[in-house]
PDB file of N, CA and C in Angstrom:
ATOM      1  N   MET A   1      24.163  -4.974  -8.907  1.00  0.00           N
ATOM      2  CA  MET A   1      23.777  -5.393  -7.694  1.00  0.00           C
ATOM      3  C   MET A   1      23.218  -4.264  -6.663  1.00  0.00           C
ATOM      4  N   LEU A   2      23.970  -3.336  -6.985  1.00  0.00           N
ATOM      5  CA  LEU A   2      24.182  -2.077  -5.914  1.00  0.00           C
ATOM      6  C   LEU A   2      22.377  -0.699  -6.211  1.00  0.00           C
ATOM      7  N   ASN A   3      22.563  -0.947  -7.724  1.00  0.00           N
ATOM      8  CA  ASN A   3      21.281  -0.366  -8.864  1.00  0.00           C
ATOM      9  C   ASN A   3      19.623  -0.754  -8.353  1.00  0.00           C
ATOM     10  N   PHE A   4      20.249  -2.445  -7.635  1.00  0.00           N
ATOM     11  CA  PHE A   4      18.553  -3.292  -7.214  1.00  0.00           C
ATOM     12  C   PHE A   4      18.647  -2.553  -5.943  1.00  0.00           C
ATOM     13  N   LEU A   5      19.903  -3.096  -5.054  1.00  0.00           N
ATOM     14  CA  LEU A   5      19.329  -2.481  -3.990  1.00  0.00           C
ATOM     15  C   LEU A   5      18.458  -0.914  -3.754  1.00  0.00           C
ATOM     16  N   ILE A   6      19.438  -0.339  -4.699  1.00  0.00           N
ATOM     17  CA  ILE A   6      18.594   0.998  -4.598  1.00  0.00           C
ATOM     18  C   ILE A   6      17.389   0.647  -5.662  1.00  0.00           C
ATOM     19  N   ALA A   7      17.049   0.602  -5.895  1.00  0.00           N
ATOM     20  CA  ALA A   7      15.930   0.338  -6.615  1.00  0.00           C
ATOM     21  C   ALA A   7      14.564  -0.057  -5.675  1.00  0.00           C
ATOM     22  N   MET A   8      15.203  -1.415  -5.037  1.00  0.00           N
ATOM     23  CA  MET A   8      14.445  -1.260  -4.102  1.00  0.00           C
ATOM     24  C   MET A   8      14.220  -0.568  -2.979  1.00  0.00           C
ATOM     25  N   GLY A   9      14.673  -0.305  -2.503  1.00  0.00           N
ATOM     26  CA  GLY A   9      14.614   1.609  -1.729  1.00  0.00           C
ATOM     27  C   GLY A   9      13.879   1.612  -1.415  1.00  0.00           C
ATOM     28  N   ILE A  10      13.798   2.452  -3.012  1.00  0.00           N
ATOM     29  CA  ILE A  10      13.072   3.554  -3.381  1.00  0.00           C
ATOM     30  C   ILE A  10      11.851   2.931  -3.341  1.00  0.00           C
ATOM     31  N   ILE A  11      11.795   1.735  -4.098  1.00  0.00           N
ATOM     32  CA  ILE A  11       9.904   1.336  -4.014  1.00  0.00           C
ATOM     33  C   ILE A  11       9.234   1.032  -3.005  1.00  0.00           C
ATOM     34  N   PHE A  12      10.212   1.017  -1.843  1.00  0.00           N
ATOM     35  CA  PHE A  12       9.380   0.785  -0.062  1.00  0.00           C
ATOM     36  C   PHE A  12       9.530   2.020   0.445  1.00  0.00           C
ATOM     37  N   ILE A  13      10.349   2.649   0.462  1.00  0.00           N
ATOM     38  CA  ILE A  13      10.005   4.382   1.119  1.00  0.00           C
ATOM     39  C   ILE A  13       8.554   4.883   0.579  1.00  0.00           C
ATOM     40  N   LEU A  14       8.354   4.611  -1.600  1.00  0.00           N
ATOM     41  CA  LEU A  14       7.089   5.220  -2.068  1.00  0.00           C
ATOM     42  C   LEU A  14       6.060   4.050  -1.236  1.00  0.00           C
ATOM     43  N   MET A  15       5.975   2.823  -1.318  1.00  0.00           N
ATOM     44  CA  MET A  15       5.137   2.270  -1.208  1.00  0.00           C
ATOM     45  C   MET A  15       4.650   2.332   0.866  1.00  0.00           C
ATOM     46  N   SER A  16       5.623   3.347   1.340  1.00  0.00           N
ATOM     47  CA  SER A  16       5.226   3.492   2.889  1.00  0.00           C
ATOM     48  C   SER A  16       5.311   4.401   3.146  1.00  0.00           C
ATOM     49  N   GLY A  17       5.079   5.630   2.256  1.00  0.00           N
ATOM     50  CA  GLY A  17       4.601   6.642   2.116  1.00  0.00           C
ATOM     51  C   GLY A  17       3.188   6.698   1.731  1.00  0.00           C
ATOM     52  N   TRP A  18       2.986   6.359   0.933  1.00  0.00           N
ATOM     53  CA  TRP A  18       1.178   5.997   0.531  1.00  0.00           C
ATOM     54  C   TRP A  18       1.027   5.113   1.369  1.00  0.00           C
ATOM     55  N   ILE A  19       1.267   4.405   2.443  1.00  0.00           N
ATOM     56  CA  ILE A  19       0.403   4.017   3.348  1.00  0.00           C
ATOM     57  C   ILE A  19       0.347   4.742   4.035  1.00  0.00           C
ATOM     58  N   LEU A  20       1.083   5.732   4.807  1.00  0.00           N
ATOM     59  CA  LEU A  20       1.206   6.619   5.458  1.00  0.00           C
ATOM     60  C   LEU A  20      -0.366   7.662   4.957  1.00  0.00           C
ATOM     61  N   ILE A  21       0.155   7.819   4.047  1.00  0.00           N
ATOM     62  CA  ILE A  21      -0.836   8.911   3.168  1.00  0.00           C
ATOM     63  C   ILE A  21      -2.546   8.517   3.222  1.00  0.00           C
ATOM     64  N   GLN A  22      -2.489   7.142   2.789  1.00  0.00           N
ATOM     65  CA  GLN A  22      -3.475   6.632   3.400  1.00  0.00           C
ATOM     66  C   GLN A  22      -4.624   6.599   4.925  1.00  0.00           C
ATOM     67  N   GLN A  23      -3.326   6.415   6.010  1.00  0.00           N
ATOM     68  CA  GLN A  23      -3.774   6.523   7.092  1.00  0.00           C
ATOM     69  C   GLN A  23      -4.605   7.348   7.610  1.00  0.00           C
ATOM     70  N   THR A  24      -3.747   7.948   7.358  1.00  0.00           N
ATOM     71  CA  THR A  24      -3.317  10.067   7.901  1.00  0.00           C
ATOM     72  C   THR A  24      -5.288  11.008   7.045  1.00  0.00           C
ATOM     73  N   ALA A  25      -4.862  10.002   5.745  1.00  0.00           N
ATOM     74  CA  ALA A  25      -6.769   9.911   5.197  1.00  0.00           C
ATOM     75  C   ALA A  25      -7.996   9.958   6.114  1.00  0.00           C
ATOM     76  N   ARG A  26      -7.535   8.757   6.608  1.00  0.00           N
ATOM     77  CA  ARG A  26      -8.686   8.075   7.151  1.00  0.00           C
ATOM     78  C   ARG A  26      -9.044   8.694   8.882  1.00  0.00           C
ATOM     79  N   LYS A  27      -8.135   8.707   9.474  1.00  0.00           N
ATOM     80  CA  LYS A  27      -7.782   9.698  10.328  1.00  0.00           C
ATOM     81  C   LYS A  27      -8.591  10.286  10.181  1.00  0.00           C
ATOM     82  N   TYR A  28      -8.147  11.416   9.418  1.00  0.00           N
ATOM     83  CA  TYR A  28      -8.959  13.147   9.104  1.00  0.00           C
ATOM     84  C   TYR A  28     -10.098  12.798   8.733  1.00  0.00           C
ATOM     85  N   ALA A  29     -10.543  11.840   7.654  1.00  0.00           N
ATOM     86  CA  ALA A  29     -12.572  11.275   7.696  1.00  0.00           C
ATOM     87  C   ALA A  29     -12.840  11.420   9.242  1.00  0.00           C
ATOM     88  N   ALA A  30     -12.163  10.682   9.790  1.00  0.00           N
ATOM     89  CA  ALA A  30     -12.951   9.725  10.869  1.00  0.00           C
ATOM     90  C   ALA A  30     -12.865  11.098  12.084  1.00  0.00           C
ATOM     91  N   LYS A  31     -11.675  12.097  12.270  1.00  0.00           N
ATOM     92  CA  LYS A  31     -12.181  13.143  12.830  1.00  0.00           C
ATOM     93  C   LYS A  31     -13.489  14.295  12.398  1.00  0.00           C
ATOM     94  N   HIS A  32     -13.611  14.692  10.834  1.00  0.00           N
ATOM     95  CA  HIS A  32     -13.817  15.364  10.515  1.00  0.00           C
ATOM     96  C   HIS A  32     -14.990  14.695   9.678  1.00  0.00           C
ATOM     97  N   PRO A  33     -15.986  14.445  10.058  1.00  0.00           N
ATOM     98  CA  PRO A  33     -16.991  13.209   9.852  1.00  0.00           C
ATOM     99  C   PRO A  33     -18.231  14.360   8.637  1.00  0.00           C
ATOM    100  N   GLU A  34     -18.286  15.161   8.558  1.00  0.00           N
ATOM    101  CA  GLU A  34     -19.129  16.413   8.204  1.00  0.00           C
ATOM    102  C   GLU A  34     -18.770  16.394   6.699  1.00  0.00           C
ATOM    103  N   PHE A  35     -17.315  15.762   6.743  1.00  0.00           N
ATOM    104  CA  PHE A  35     -16.724  16.099   4.717  1.00  0.00           C
ATOM    105  C   PHE A  35     -16.521  14.527   4.264  1.00  0.00           C
ATOM    106  N   GLY A  36     -17.570  13.698   5.190  1.00  0.00           N
ATOM    107  CA  GLY A  36     -17.867  12.511   4.236  1.00  0.00           C
ATOM    108  C   GLY A  36     -16.687  11.288   4.610  1.00  0.00           C
ATOM    109  N   PRO A  37     -16.144  10.259   4.497  1.00  0.00           N
ATOM    110  CA  PRO A  37     -16.028   9.197   4.019  1.00  0.00           C
ATOM    111  C   PRO A  37     -14.539   9.555   3.193  1.00  0.00           C
ATOM    112  N   ALA A  38     -13.397   8.883   3.610  1.00  0.00           N
ATOM    113  CA  ALA A  38     -12.337   9.426   2.782  1.00  0.00           C
ATOM    114  C   ALA A  38     -12.925   9.010   1.589  1.00  0.00           C
ATOM    115  N   LYS A  39     -11.935   9.066  -0.115  1.00  0.00           N
ATOM    116  CA  LYS A  39     -12.108   8.207  -1.112  1.00  0.00           C
ATOM    117  C   LYS A  39     -11.105   7.795  -1.451  1.00  0.00           C
ATOM    118  N   GLU A  40     -11.545   6.094  -1.243  1.00  0.00           N
ATOM    119  CA  GLU A  40     -10.357   5.078  -1.839  1.00  0.00           C
ATOM    120  C   GLU A  40     -10.611   5.172  -3.613  1.00  0.00           C
ATOM    121  N   GLU A  41      -8.799   4.300  -3.698  1.00  0.00           N
ATOM    122  CA  GLU A  41      -8.302   4.295  -4.632  1.00  0.00           C
ATOM    123  C   GLU A  41      -9.374   3.114  -5.557  1.00  0.00           C
ATOM    124  N   GLY A  42     -10.282   3.374  -6.324  1.00  0.00           N
ATOM    125  CA  GLY A  42     -10.696   1.779  -7.263  1.00  0.00           C
ATOM    126  C   GLY A  42     -12.323   1.772  -6.975  1.00  0.00           C
ATOM    127  N   LEU A  43     -12.854   2.335  -5.620  1.00  0.00           N
ATOM    128  CA  LEU A  43     -13.908   2.599  -5.267  1.00  0.00           C
ATOM    129  C   LEU A  43     -14.895   3.803  -5.749  1.00  0.00           C
ATOM    130  N   GLY A  44     -16.377   3.383  -6.647  1.00  0.00           N
ATOM    131  CA  GLY A  44     -16.842   4.343  -7.294  1.00  0.00           C
ATOM    132  C   GLY A  44     -17.688   4.075  -7.539  1.00  0.00           C
ATOM    133  N   CYS A  45     -18.140   4.817  -9.350  1.00  0.00           N
ATOM    134  CA  CYS A  45     -19.600   4.491  -9.812  1.00  0.00           C
ATOM    135  C   CYS A  45     -18.250   3.812 -11.083  1.00  0.00           C
ATOM    136  N   GLY A  46     -18.482   2.590 -11.531  1.00  0.00           N
ATOM    137  CA  GLY A  46     -17.681   2.003 -12.469  1.00  0.00           C
ATOM    138  C   GLY A  46     -16.781   0.586 -11.725  1.00  0.00           C
ATOM    139  N   LYS A  47     -16.365   0.521  -9.889  1.00  0.00           N
ATOM    140  CA  LYS A  47     -16.002   0.085 -10.182  1.00  0.00           C
ATOM    141  C   LYS A  47     -16.774  -1.361  -8.675  1.00  0.00           C
ATOM    142  N   ASN A  48     -17.373  -1.314  -8.170  1.00  0.00           N
ATOM    143  CA  ASN A  48     -18.229  -1.522  -7.146  1.00  0.00           C
ATOM    144  C   ASN A  48     -19.500  -1.710  -7.201  1.00  0.00           C
ATOM    145  N   CYS A  49     -19.958  -0.269  -7.166  1.00  0.00           N
ATOM    146  CA  CYS A  49     -21.715   0.074  -7.431  1.00  0.00           C
ATOM    147  C   CYS A  49     -22.597  -0.506  -8.121  1.00  0.00           C
ATOM    148  N   GLY A  50     -23.532  -0.818  -7.730  1.00  0.00           N
ATOM    149  CA  GLY A  50     -24.429  -1.321  -8.723  1.00  0.00           C
ATOM    150  C   GLY A  50     -24.153  -0.784 -10.039  1.00  0.00           C
ATOM    151  N   CYS A  51     -23.685  -0.551 -10.732  1.00  0.00           N
ATOM    152  CA  CYS A  51     -23.091   0.688 -12.298  1.00  0.00           C
ATOM    153  C   CYS A  51     -24.282  -0.468 -13.259  1.00  0.00           C
ATOM    154  N   GLY A  52     -24.492   0.090 -14.160  1.00  0.00           N
ATOM    155  CA  GLY A  52     -25.286  -0.343 -15.093  1.00  0.00           C
ATOM    156  C   GLY A  52     -26.117   0.807 -16.667  1.00  0.00           C
ATOM    157  N   ALA A  53     -25.285   0.911 -18.018  1.00  0.00           N
ATOM    158  CA  ALA A  53     -26.434   1.485 -18.834  1.00  0.00           C
ATOM    159  C   ALA A  53     -25.399   2.941 -18.782  1.00  0.00           C
ATOM    160  N   GLY A  54     -24.257   3.142 -17.937  1.00  0.00           N
ATOM    161  CA  GLY A  54     -24.025   4.373 -17.328  1.00  0.00           C
ATOM    162  C   GLY A  54     -24.924   4.925 -16.542  1.00  0.00           C
ATOM    163  N   GLN A  55     -25.183   3.963 -15.601  1.00  0.00           N
ATOM    164  CA  GLN A  55     -26.079   4.919 -14.426  1.00  0.00           C
ATOM    165  C   GLN A  55     -25.271   4.282 -12.973  1.00  0.00           C
ATOM    166  N   CYS A  56     -25.000   5.091 -12.002  1.00  0.00           N
ATOM    167  CA  CYS A  56     -24.745   4.389 -10.624  1.00  0.00           C
ATOM    168  C   CYS A  56     -25.913   4.548  -9.962  1.00  0.00           C
ATOM    169  N   ASP A  57     -25.734   2.853  -9.430  1.00  0.00           N
ATOM    170  CA  ASP A  57     -26.889   2.713  -8.232  1.00  0.00           C
ATOM    171  C   ASP A  57     -26.487   3.298  -6.487  1.00  0.00           C
ATOM    172  N   LYS A  58     -26.597   4.277  -6.248  1.00  0.00           N
ATOM    173  CA  LYS A  58     -26.179   4.876  -4.892  1.00  0.00           C
ATOM    174  C   LYS A  58     -27.316   3.856  -3.914  1.00  0.00           C
ATOM    175  N   SER A  59     -28.144   3.490  -4.660  1.00  0.00           N
ATOM    176  CA  SER A  59     -28.590   2.887  -2.855  1.00  0.00           C
ATOM    177  C   SER A  59     -27.633   1.155  -1.835  1.00  0.00           C
ATOM    178  N   SER A  60     -26.878   0.819  -3.206  1.00  0.00           N
ATOM    179  CA  SER A  60     -25.872  -0.018  -2.734  1.00  0.00           C
ATOM    180  C   SER A  60     -24.951   0.880  -2.223  1.00  0.00           C
TER     181      SER A  60
END
């Protein structure tokens, strides 16, 4: 039971840390628009932009 609680605590701490890192990156990107928007994991060519035949459509 102790191992389970330790594992759950570690998972919670790691997930909370990742959320804080994402929030920090978004705030930094908002304060410094010259660097562009914060890059989100899972976004980009091959994920959500109109990609076809190895080419990414930048207009969408």
